[in-house]
Amino acid sequence: MPSSRKRIGFLPSAEVQVLIDKLCKLHKLSQSKVTGILVEEALISRGYLLINKSITKNFDKTNVLESDQEYNYENNNDYLKKLSIKKDVSMINEFIEYKLFKQIMSQNNDNESL
């Protein structure tokens, strides 16, 4: 029977795919189910969705927490801090490259005017 809902295609980055695969194996769930749970949790944490147990009704959260503790996940806050610092450093490097480029261009313009 056709569904009235549309399918959503999602191609995760390699790092995200590895994490989804680990969660699938750890909780014995399909990729579709895990992805749905992650999307729902993200929407709830951003305040776009009120807590709804539709997708997680057969998902025992106590078992999930216990089995997640068995797997050594990086602390999410530490990961986000590292990611933020990495982005900041990258932006600073790009700015320095831009300033050097601008300096070289200025020198070239000065040499041409002589």
Protein backbone atom coordinates (compact mmCIF):
# COMPACT_ATOMS: atom_id res chain seq x y z
CA MET A 1 0.00 0.00 0.00
CA PRO A 2 1.52 3.37 -0.98
CA SER A 3 2.31 5.80 1.81
CA SER A 4 1.07 9.37 1.79
CA ARG A 5 4.40 10.51 3.27
CA LYS A 6 7.38 11.29 1.07
CA ARG A 7 10.69 9.50 1.42
CA ILE A 8 13.73 11.56 2.33
CA GLY A 9 17.06 10.59 0.86
CA PHE A 10 20.06 11.20 3.09
CA LEU A 11 23.73 10.69 2.19
CA PRO A 12 25.73 11.15 5.39
CA SER A 13 29.41 12.01 5.54
CA ALA A 14 31.74 9.05 6.01
CA GLU A 15 32.19 9.85 9.71
CA VAL A 16 28.44 10.05 10.31
CA GLN A 17 27.87 6.80 8.38
CA VAL A 18 30.36 4.99 10.62
CA LEU A 19 28.58 6.28 13.75
CA ILE A 20 25.15 5.32 12.38
CA ASP A 21 26.44 1.82 11.54
CA LYS A 22 27.80 1.42 15.08
CA LEU A 23 24.49 2.55 16.58
CA CYS A 24 22.60 0.13 14.30
CA LYS A 25 24.74 -2.81 15.42
CA LEU A 26 24.74 -1.74 19.04
CA HIS A 27 20.94 -1.41 19.24
CA LYS A 28 20.01 -3.95 16.55
CA LEU A 29 18.02 -1.37 14.59
CA SER A 30 17.87 -0.45 10.90
CA GLN A 31 19.68 2.57 9.51
CA SER A 32 16.34 4.13 8.70
CA LYS A 33 15.13 3.75 12.29
CA VAL A 34 18.38 5.10 13.79
CA THR A 35 18.41 8.06 11.38
CA GLY A 36 14.78 8.81 12.21
CA ILE A 37 15.51 8.74 15.93
CA LEU A 38 18.53 11.02 15.51
CA VAL A 39 16.56 13.51 13.42
CA GLU A 40 13.70 13.50 15.92
CA GLU A 41 16.11 14.04 18.83
CA ALA A 42 17.82 16.90 16.96
CA LEU A 43 14.46 18.60 16.28
CA ILE A 44 13.42 18.18 19.92
CA SER A 45 16.73 19.59 21.20
CA ARG A 46 16.37 22.64 18.91
CA GLY A 47 12.82 23.22 20.13
CA TYR A 48 11.12 22.58 16.76
CA LEU A 49 9.33 19.46 17.94
CA LEU A 50 7.61 18.66 21.21
CA ILE A 51 8.60 15.37 22.78
CA ASN A 52 6.81 12.70 20.81
CA LYS A 53 7.21 8.98 21.33
CA SER A 54 6.01 8.02 17.85
CA ILE A 55 9.34 6.89 16.44
CA THR A 56 10.84 5.77 19.75
CA LYS A 57 7.88 3.83 21.16
CA ASN A 58 9.63 0.44 20.74
CA PHE A 59 12.99 1.85 21.72
CA ASP A 60 13.89 1.07 25.33
CA LYS A 61 15.86 4.13 26.49
CA THR A 62 17.26 2.43 29.61
CA ASN A 63 18.87 -0.30 27.48
CA VAL A 64 20.14 2.31 25.08
CA LEU A 65 21.83 4.30 27.83
CA GLU A 66 23.44 1.18 29.31
CA SER A 67 24.71 -0.10 25.97
CA ASP A 68 25.87 3.37 24.93
CA GLN A 69 28.00 3.48 28.08
CA GLU A 70 29.63 0.21 27.00
CA TYR A 71 30.72 1.91 23.79
CA ASN A 72 33.32 4.60 24.41
CA TYR A 73 31.76 7.66 22.79
CA GLU A 74 33.56 11.00 22.92
CA ASN A 75 31.87 13.50 25.19
CA ASN A 76 29.65 15.50 22.83
CA ASN A 77 30.52 18.85 24.43
CA ASP A 78 34.25 18.16 24.09
CA TYR A 79 33.74 17.15 20.46
CA LEU A 80 31.76 20.32 19.73
CA LYS A 81 34.42 22.47 21.42
CA LYS A 82 37.16 20.80 19.36
CA LEU A 83 35.12 21.26 16.19
CA SER A 84 34.49 24.92 17.02
CA ILE A 85 38.19 25.51 17.72
CA LYS A 86 39.11 23.74 14.48
CA LYS A 87 36.73 26.00 12.54
CA ASP A 88 38.09 29.10 14.29
CA VAL A 89 41.69 28.13 13.50
CA SER A 90 40.73 27.41 9.90
CA MET A 91 39.06 30.82 9.59
CA ILE A 92 42.09 32.55 11.12
CA ASN A 93 44.39 30.76 8.67
CA GLU A 94 42.19 31.79 5.74
CA PHE A 95 42.26 35.39 6.97
CA ILE A 96 46.07 35.35 7.25
CA GLU A 97 46.32 33.92 3.73
CA TYR A 98 43.98 36.66 2.50
CA LYS A 99 46.05 39.37 4.20
CA LEU A 100 49.27 37.97 2.68
CA PHE A 101 47.62 37.83 -0.75
CA LYS A 102 46.43 41.43 -0.36
CA GLN A 103 49.94 42.52 0.68
CA ILE A 104 51.51 40.80 -2.37
CA MET A 105 48.93 42.36 -4.68
CA SER A 106 49.62 45.78 -3.18
CA GLN A 107 53.37 45.31 -3.70
CA ASN A 108 52.76 44.25 -7.32
CA ASN A 109 50.62 47.33 -7.94
CA ASP A 110 53.30 49.56 -6.41
CA ASN A 111 55.99 47.96 -8.62
CA GLU A 112 53.88 48.41 -11.76
CA SER A 113 53.37 52.10 -11.08
CA LEU A 114 57.14 52.73 -10.97
